[in-house]
Protein backbone atom coordinates (compact mmCIF):
# COMPACT_ATOMS: atom_id res chain seq x y z
CA UNK A 1 0.00 0.00 0.00
CA UNK A 2 1.18 3.50 -0.83
CA UNK A 3 2.21 5.88 1.94
CA UNK A 4 1.43 9.60 1.83
CA UNK A 5 3.48 12.36 3.44
CA UNK A 6 2.16 15.67 4.76
CA UNK A 7 3.79 18.52 2.83
CA UNK A 8 3.44 20.80 5.87
CA UNK A 9 4.85 18.82 8.82
CA UNK A 10 6.26 15.60 7.36
CA UNK A 11 3.79 13.17 9.01
CA UNK A 12 3.55 9.96 6.99
CA UNK A 13 0.18 8.22 6.68
CA UNK A 14 0.85 4.49 6.45
CA UNK A 15 -2.27 2.57 5.41
CA UNK A 16 -0.93 -0.60 7.01
CA UNK A 17 -1.05 1.18 10.38
CA UNK A 18 -4.02 3.52 9.85
CA UNK A 19 -4.74 6.31 12.35
CA UNK A 20 -6.31 4.63 15.37
CA UNK A 21 -6.32 7.88 17.38
CA UNK A 22 -8.82 9.25 14.85
CA UNK A 23 -10.84 6.08 14.23
CA UNK A 24 -9.08 4.99 11.03
CA UNK A 25 -8.52 1.24 11.00
CA UNK A 26 -5.33 -0.42 9.77
CA UNK A 27 -5.66 -1.33 6.09
CA UNK A 28 -7.50 1.88 5.13
CA UNK A 29 -5.99 3.30 1.95
CA UNK A 30 -5.36 7.04 1.72
CA UNK A 31 -7.98 7.28 -1.02
CA UNK A 32 -10.59 5.79 1.34
CA UNK A 33 -9.97 8.21 4.20
CA UNK A 34 -13.00 10.41 4.95
CA UNK A 35 -13.00 13.75 3.12
CA UNK A 36 -12.87 15.56 6.46
CA UNK A 37 -9.85 13.60 7.75
CA UNK A 38 -6.92 15.89 8.66
CA UNK A 39 -3.28 15.35 9.52
CA UNK A 40 -3.10 14.22 13.17
CA UNK A 41 -0.03 16.41 13.74
CA UNK A 42 -0.78 19.75 12.06
CA UNK A 43 -4.48 19.41 11.12
CA UNK A 44 -3.99 20.19 7.44
CA UNK A 45 -6.33 18.62 4.88
CA UNK A 46 -5.73 15.63 2.60
CA UNK A 47 -4.91 18.00 -0.28
CA UNK A 48 -1.60 18.82 1.43
CA UNK A 49 -0.33 15.22 1.23
CA UNK A 50 1.93 13.80 -1.48
CA UNK A 51 2.45 10.20 -2.51
CA UNK A 52 5.69 8.87 -1.08
PDB file of N, CA and C in Angstrom:
ATOM      1  N   UNK A   1       0.843  -1.190   0.000  1.00  0.00           N
ATOM      2  CA  UNK A   1       0.000   0.000   0.000  1.00  0.00           C
ATOM      3  C   UNK A   1       0.887   1.253   0.000  1.00  0.00           C
ATOM      4  N   UNK A   2       0.418   2.266  -0.686  1.00  0.00           N
ATOM      5  CA  UNK A   2       1.177   3.500  -0.830  1.00  0.00           C
ATOM      6  C   UNK A   2       1.055   4.384   0.401  1.00  0.00           C
ATOM      7  N   UNK A   3       2.183   4.941   0.832  1.00  0.00           N
ATOM      8  CA  UNK A   3       2.207   5.877   1.943  1.00  0.00           C
ATOM      9  C   UNK A   3       2.106   7.295   1.392  1.00  0.00           C
ATOM     10  N   UNK A   4       1.552   8.191   2.204  1.00  0.00           N
ATOM     11  CA  UNK A   4       1.433   9.596   1.831  1.00  0.00           C
ATOM     12  C   UNK A   4       2.049  10.453   2.917  1.00  0.00           C
ATOM     13  N   UNK A   5       2.774  11.489   2.504  1.00  0.00           N
ATOM     14  CA  UNK A   5       3.479  12.360   3.438  1.00  0.00           C
ATOM     15  C   UNK A   5       2.865  13.759   3.433  1.00  0.00           C
ATOM     16  N   UNK A   6       2.676  14.308   4.621  1.00  0.00           N
ATOM     17  CA  UNK A   6       2.160  15.668   4.760  1.00  0.00           C
ATOM     18  C   UNK A   6       3.232  16.649   4.294  1.00  0.00           C
ATOM     19  N   UNK A   7       2.851  17.529   3.362  1.00  0.00           N
ATOM     20  CA  UNK A   7       3.791  18.521   2.829  1.00  0.00           C
ATOM     21  C   UNK A   7       4.107  19.610   3.851  1.00  0.00           C
ATOM     22  N   UNK A   8       3.270  19.744   4.873  1.00  0.00           N
ATOM     23  CA  UNK A   8       3.441  20.800   5.870  1.00  0.00           C
ATOM     24  C   UNK A   8       4.377  20.366   7.004  1.00  0.00           C
ATOM     25  N   UNK A   9       4.090  19.210   7.628  1.00  0.00           N
ATOM     26  CA  UNK A   9       4.846  18.816   8.823  1.00  0.00           C
ATOM     27  C   UNK A   9       5.683  17.548   8.667  1.00  0.00           C
ATOM     28  N   UNK A  10       5.467  16.797   7.581  1.00  0.00           N
ATOM     29  CA  UNK A  10       6.262  15.599   7.357  1.00  0.00           C
ATOM     30  C   UNK A  10       5.660  14.312   7.896  1.00  0.00           C
ATOM     31  N   UNK A  11       4.467  14.377   8.529  1.00  0.00           N
ATOM     32  CA  UNK A  11       3.793  13.169   9.010  1.00  0.00           C
ATOM     33  C   UNK A  11       3.551  12.228   7.836  1.00  0.00           C
ATOM     34  N   UNK A  12       3.780  10.941   8.042  1.00  0.00           N
ATOM     35  CA  UNK A  12       3.551   9.957   6.990  1.00  0.00           C
ATOM     36  C   UNK A  12       2.347   9.099   7.368  1.00  0.00           C
ATOM     37  N   UNK A  13       1.327   9.108   6.497  1.00  0.00           N
ATOM     38  CA  UNK A  13       0.184   8.218   6.685  1.00  0.00           C
ATOM     39  C   UNK A  13       0.536   6.883   6.060  1.00  0.00           C
ATOM     40  N   UNK A  14       0.557   5.847   6.899  1.00  0.00           N
ATOM     41  CA  UNK A  14       0.853   4.485   6.450  1.00  0.00           C
ATOM     42  C   UNK A  14      -0.439   3.683   6.539  1.00  0.00           C
ATOM     43  N   UNK A  15      -1.000   3.286   5.398  1.00  0.00           N
ATOM     44  CA  UNK A  15      -2.269   2.574   5.411  1.00  0.00           C
ATOM     45  C   UNK A  15      -2.210   1.240   6.163  1.00  0.00           C
ATOM     46  N   UNK A  16      -1.048   0.653   6.269  1.00  0.00           N
ATOM     47  CA  UNK A  16      -0.930  -0.600   7.010  1.00  0.00           C
ATOM     48  C   UNK A  16      -1.115  -0.382   8.506  1.00  0.00           C
ATOM     49  N   UNK A  17      -0.898   0.846   8.962  1.00  0.00           N
ATOM     50  CA  UNK A  17      -1.051   1.184  10.383  1.00  0.00           C
ATOM     51  C   UNK A  17      -2.381   1.890  10.627  1.00  0.00           C
ATOM     52  N   UNK A  18      -2.799   2.732   9.679  1.00  0.00           N
ATOM     53  CA  UNK A  18      -4.016   3.522   9.852  1.00  0.00           C
ATOM     54  C   UNK A  18      -3.767   4.701  10.779  1.00  0.00           C
ATOM     55  N   UNK A  19      -4.820   5.177  11.418  1.00  0.00           N
ATOM     56  CA  UNK A  19      -4.741   6.309  12.347  1.00  0.00           C
ATOM     57  C   UNK A  19      -5.745   6.025  13.464  1.00  0.00           C
ATOM     58  N   UNK A  20      -5.379   5.103  14.341  1.00  0.00           N
ATOM     59  CA  UNK A  20      -6.306   4.631  15.373  1.00  0.00           C
ATOM     60  C   UNK A  20      -6.765   5.746  16.309  1.00  0.00           C
ATOM     61  N   UNK A  21      -5.935   6.762  16.512  1.00  0.00           N
ATOM     62  CA  UNK A  21      -6.324   7.881  17.380  1.00  0.00           C
ATOM     63  C   UNK A  21      -7.524   8.646  16.815  1.00  0.00           C
ATOM     64  N   UNK A  22      -7.719   8.536  15.511  1.00  0.00           N
ATOM     65  CA  UNK A  22      -8.823   9.249  14.854  1.00  0.00           C
ATOM     66  C   UNK A  22      -9.833   8.296  14.214  1.00  0.00           C
ATOM     67  N   UNK A  23      -9.842   7.042  14.670  1.00  0.00           N
ATOM     68  CA  UNK A  23     -10.843   6.077  14.229  1.00  0.00           C
ATOM     69  C   UNK A  23     -10.617   5.464  12.867  1.00  0.00           C
ATOM     70  N   UNK A  24      -9.394   5.561  12.339  1.00  0.00           N
ATOM     71  CA  UNK A  24      -9.085   4.989  11.027  1.00  0.00           C
ATOM     72  C   UNK A  24      -8.393   3.640  11.242  1.00  0.00           C
ATOM     73  N   UNK A  25      -9.040   2.582  10.795  1.00  0.00           N
ATOM     74  CA  UNK A  25      -8.521   1.237  10.999  1.00  0.00           C
ATOM     75  C   UNK A  25      -7.321   0.953  10.101  1.00  0.00           C
ATOM     76  N   UNK A  26      -6.455   0.057  10.579  1.00  0.00           N
ATOM     77  CA  UNK A  26      -5.332  -0.422   9.765  1.00  0.00           C
ATOM     78  C   UNK A  26      -5.897  -1.031   8.488  1.00  0.00           C
ATOM     79  N   UNK A  27      -5.215  -0.809   7.380  1.00  0.00           N
ATOM     80  CA  UNK A  27      -5.656  -1.331   6.091  1.00  0.00           C
ATOM     81  C   UNK A  27      -6.489  -0.342   5.289  1.00  0.00           C
ATOM     82  N   UNK A  28      -6.727   0.861   5.839  1.00  0.00           N
ATOM     83  CA  UNK A  28      -7.499   1.883   5.132  1.00  0.00           C
ATOM     84  C   UNK A  28      -6.584   2.664   4.207  1.00  0.00           C
ATOM     85  N   UNK A  29      -6.831   2.574   2.903  1.00  0.00           N
ATOM     86  CA  UNK A  29      -5.989   3.299   1.950  1.00  0.00           C
ATOM     87  C   UNK A  29      -6.232   4.797   2.084  1.00  0.00           C
ATOM     88  N   UNK A  30      -5.256   5.586   1.652  1.00  0.00           N
ATOM     89  CA  UNK A  30      -5.363   7.045   1.719  1.00  0.00           C
ATOM     90  C   UNK A  30      -6.593   7.518   0.951  1.00  0.00           C
ATOM     91  N   UNK A  31      -6.849   6.899  -0.185  1.00  0.00           N
ATOM     92  CA  UNK A  31      -7.983   7.279  -1.017  1.00  0.00           C
ATOM     93  C   UNK A  31      -9.315   7.050  -0.310  1.00  0.00           C
ATOM     94  N   UNK A  32      -9.351   6.113   0.633  1.00  0.00           N
ATOM     95  CA  UNK A  32     -10.591   5.785   1.336  1.00  0.00           C
ATOM     96  C   UNK A  32     -10.746   6.512   2.669  1.00  0.00           C
ATOM     97  N   UNK A  33      -9.813   7.402   2.992  1.00  0.00           N
ATOM     98  CA  UNK A  33      -9.973   8.208   4.201  1.00  0.00           C
ATOM     99  C   UNK A  33     -11.159   9.149   4.011  1.00  0.00           C
ATOM    100  N   UNK A  34     -11.891   9.454   5.080  1.00  0.00           N
ATOM    101  CA  UNK A  34     -13.004  10.407   4.946  1.00  0.00           C
ATOM    102  C   UNK A  34     -12.516  11.752   4.419  1.00  0.00           C
ATOM    103  N   UNK A  35     -13.374  12.447   3.697  1.00  0.00           N
ATOM    104  CA  UNK A  35     -13.002  13.752   3.124  1.00  0.00           C
ATOM    105  C   UNK A  35     -12.618  14.765   4.193  1.00  0.00           C
ATOM    106  N   UNK A  36     -13.166  14.597   5.397  1.00  0.00           N
ATOM    107  CA  UNK A  36     -12.872  15.563   6.459  1.00  0.00           C
ATOM    108  C   UNK A  36     -11.706  15.134   7.354  1.00  0.00           C
ATOM    109  N   UNK A  37     -11.022  14.040   6.990  1.00  0.00           N
ATOM    110  CA  UNK A  37      -9.848  13.605   7.752  1.00  0.00           C
ATOM    111  C   UNK A  37      -8.752  14.651   7.604  1.00  0.00           C
ATOM    112  N   UNK A  38      -8.031  14.935   8.699  1.00  0.00           N
ATOM    113  CA  UNK A  38      -6.922  15.889   8.663  1.00  0.00           C
ATOM    114  C   UNK A  38      -5.683  15.253   9.267  1.00  0.00           C
ATOM    115  N   UNK A  39      -4.545  15.815   8.967  1.00  0.00           N
ATOM    116  CA  UNK A  39      -3.281  15.355   9.520  1.00  0.00           C
ATOM    117  C   UNK A  39      -3.365  15.371  11.050  1.00  0.00           C
ATOM    118  N   UNK A  40      -3.023  14.262  11.708  1.00  0.00           N
ATOM    119  CA  UNK A  40      -3.105  14.223  13.165  1.00  0.00           C
ATOM    120  C   UNK A  40      -2.062  15.093  13.870  1.00  0.00           C
ATOM    121  N   UNK A  41      -1.069  15.571  13.147  1.00  0.00           N
ATOM    122  CA  UNK A  41      -0.027  16.413  13.738  1.00  0.00           C
ATOM    123  C   UNK A  41      -0.339  17.902  13.559  1.00  0.00           C
ATOM    124  N   UNK A  42      -0.618  18.320  12.321  1.00  0.00           N
ATOM    125  CA  UNK A  42      -0.781  19.755  12.060  1.00  0.00           C
ATOM    126  C   UNK A  42      -2.181  20.148  11.594  1.00  0.00           C
ATOM    127  N   UNK A  43      -3.072  19.186  11.473  1.00  0.00           N
ATOM    128  CA  UNK A  43      -4.481  19.411  11.125  1.00  0.00           C
ATOM    129  C   UNK A  43      -4.704  19.989   9.731  1.00  0.00           C
ATOM    130  N   UNK A  44      -3.780  19.760   8.814  1.00  0.00           N
ATOM    131  CA  UNK A  44      -3.992  20.191   7.436  1.00  0.00           C
ATOM    132  C   UNK A  44      -4.829  19.138   6.707  1.00  0.00           C
ATOM    133  N   UNK A  45      -5.437  19.516   5.608  1.00  0.00           N
ATOM    134  CA  UNK A  45      -6.332  18.621   4.880  1.00  0.00           C
ATOM    135  C   UNK A  45      -5.568  17.633   3.997  1.00  0.00           C
ATOM    136  N   UNK A  46      -6.317  16.663   3.461  1.00  0.00           N
ATOM    137  CA  UNK A  46      -5.729  15.628   2.605  1.00  0.00           C
ATOM    138  C   UNK A  46      -5.051  16.218   1.369  1.00  0.00           C
ATOM    139  N   UNK A  47      -5.486  17.385   0.929  1.00  0.00           N
ATOM    140  CA  UNK A  47      -4.913  17.997  -0.277  1.00  0.00           C
ATOM    141  C   UNK A  47      -3.447  18.351  -0.103  1.00  0.00           C
ATOM    142  N   UNK A  48      -2.992  18.451   1.157  1.00  0.00           N
ATOM    143  CA  UNK A  48      -1.597  18.820   1.430  1.00  0.00           C
ATOM    144  C   UNK A  48      -0.709  17.598   1.652  1.00  0.00           C
ATOM    145  N   UNK A  49      -1.126  16.438   1.139  1.00  0.00           N
ATOM    146  CA  UNK A  49      -0.329  15.223   1.230  1.00  0.00           C
ATOM    147  C   UNK A  49       0.145  14.829  -0.166  1.00  0.00           C
ATOM    148  N   UNK A  50       1.353  14.266  -0.220  1.00  0.00           N
ATOM    149  CA  UNK A  50       1.928  13.799  -1.480  1.00  0.00           C
ATOM    150  C   UNK A  50       2.273  12.321  -1.360  1.00  0.00           C
ATOM    151  N   UNK A  51       2.112  11.608  -2.469  1.00  0.00           N
ATOM    152  CA  UNK A  51       2.451  10.199  -2.511  1.00  0.00           C
ATOM    153  C   UNK A  51       3.943  10.034  -2.247  1.00  0.00           C
ATOM    154  N   UNK A  52       4.279   9.078  -1.402  1.00  0.00           N
ATOM    155  CA  UNK A  52       5.688   8.873  -1.080  1.00  0.00           C
ATOM    156  C   UNK A  52       6.307   7.833  -1.988  1.00  0.00           C
TER     157      UNK A  52
END
